[in-house]
């Protein structure tokens, strides 16, 4: 397939955006070297800004290379429902009533596991919350898990190796943990309707394999860092100042469920979200700071990915369709590291006549590779935004994340291909 000039420009900008994500630390260092333009360098050093910035460059190029009408039409043809949904669900899931409820649930299950120190709590967070993402959606699960880990694990002075390993396992487990249902994981959602996959199909074909891989990944990292976890004090439930009236917690949960149910109808879920903001303001003494800034940054990142990703079909689809089933699984796992896995499965769904084995290979490969990079899975930027302040230079280095994600990704691959 011969690309048009615009598609070629879009692909070049997409590659530049990917390279930019690996060099954000350089721009942060420039901010200290050139204080006159420190604001600009800090902006370009934010991972969440990268794809939005290069998407803006693409739109400007469309104006120049084609016309204003063509540029506006292209943007109007993009679907920004997912960035809007992730923004709304992040803010609601990150509130004190929801976070406290999730933490109490984790504490309860952690007490059942006979492990010393914080080992039981740590293991529970990395298993229960990702699997719960199959019901509250992956972005909500990522937000809850990251906030809980930030408060109860990352703030305790753990090693840098443990921080990267934890983030990597969290990313992989969230990506595969949402496959128990057909609506929670973005790459599954993109194909479920067209391919006739319902929740029973997902449980029997994907779900039990995902549960096994999630548990093995969490157990491996818990045992690997057992010495550090033993030294951490046993986590205690939230105390007096965090108490929230039961009725208000129920209202928050109702908003969370409502936004999840209407996740494909932006006019409805954004209306619910605006109503929620009013409730949160009315009872702000029961709230911590709403993570509006973090949510907007993640939404901006995903919106940029949507804009740039729309120009990649010319090369991505032929590559996928030239593969055997095994090649497609491996190819999808690798390609997911460089493009959002939901975009990958969506492109595959456009091809008619795919065999069942190819469909399974594409979808399972896409969720398997969802933890390799920040851009591999839609919820990943949310986790980075919440946890990055606990890393050196307040930045998550992509190469180190990739390195630590290889083992849990391999375990997920074995589960989906050999079982």
Foldseek 3Di string as FASTA:
>chain_A
DDADPLLVLLVVLLVVLVVLLQCLVVLCVVCVVDVVPNVVSPQSSDNLCSLLVSLVVSLVVCCVVPNPVVSVVLLVPFDLLVLLLLLLLLLLLQKLLNLLVVLVVLVVQLVVDPAAFCLSSQLSLLQVLLLCLLPLALLSSLSSSLVCCVPQPLVVDDDQLLVLLSLLSSQLLNLLSNQLAQQRFLQSVLQCVVVVNGNVNSNVQRNVLSNVLSNVSSVVSSVVCVVVRNPHHHDDRDDDQQDDDPVVSVVSVVLSNQSSVVSVPSVRNVVSSVVVVVVCVVPVSNTDDRPNVLSVSLSSSVSSLSSSLVSPLVPLLVVLVVDDLVVNLQVLLVVLQSHALNSNSNSVSVDPDDDPSNNLSSSLSLSLNRSQFQRSGSSSSSSLSSNQVSHVVSHDNNVSSNVSNVVSSVSSVCSNPVD
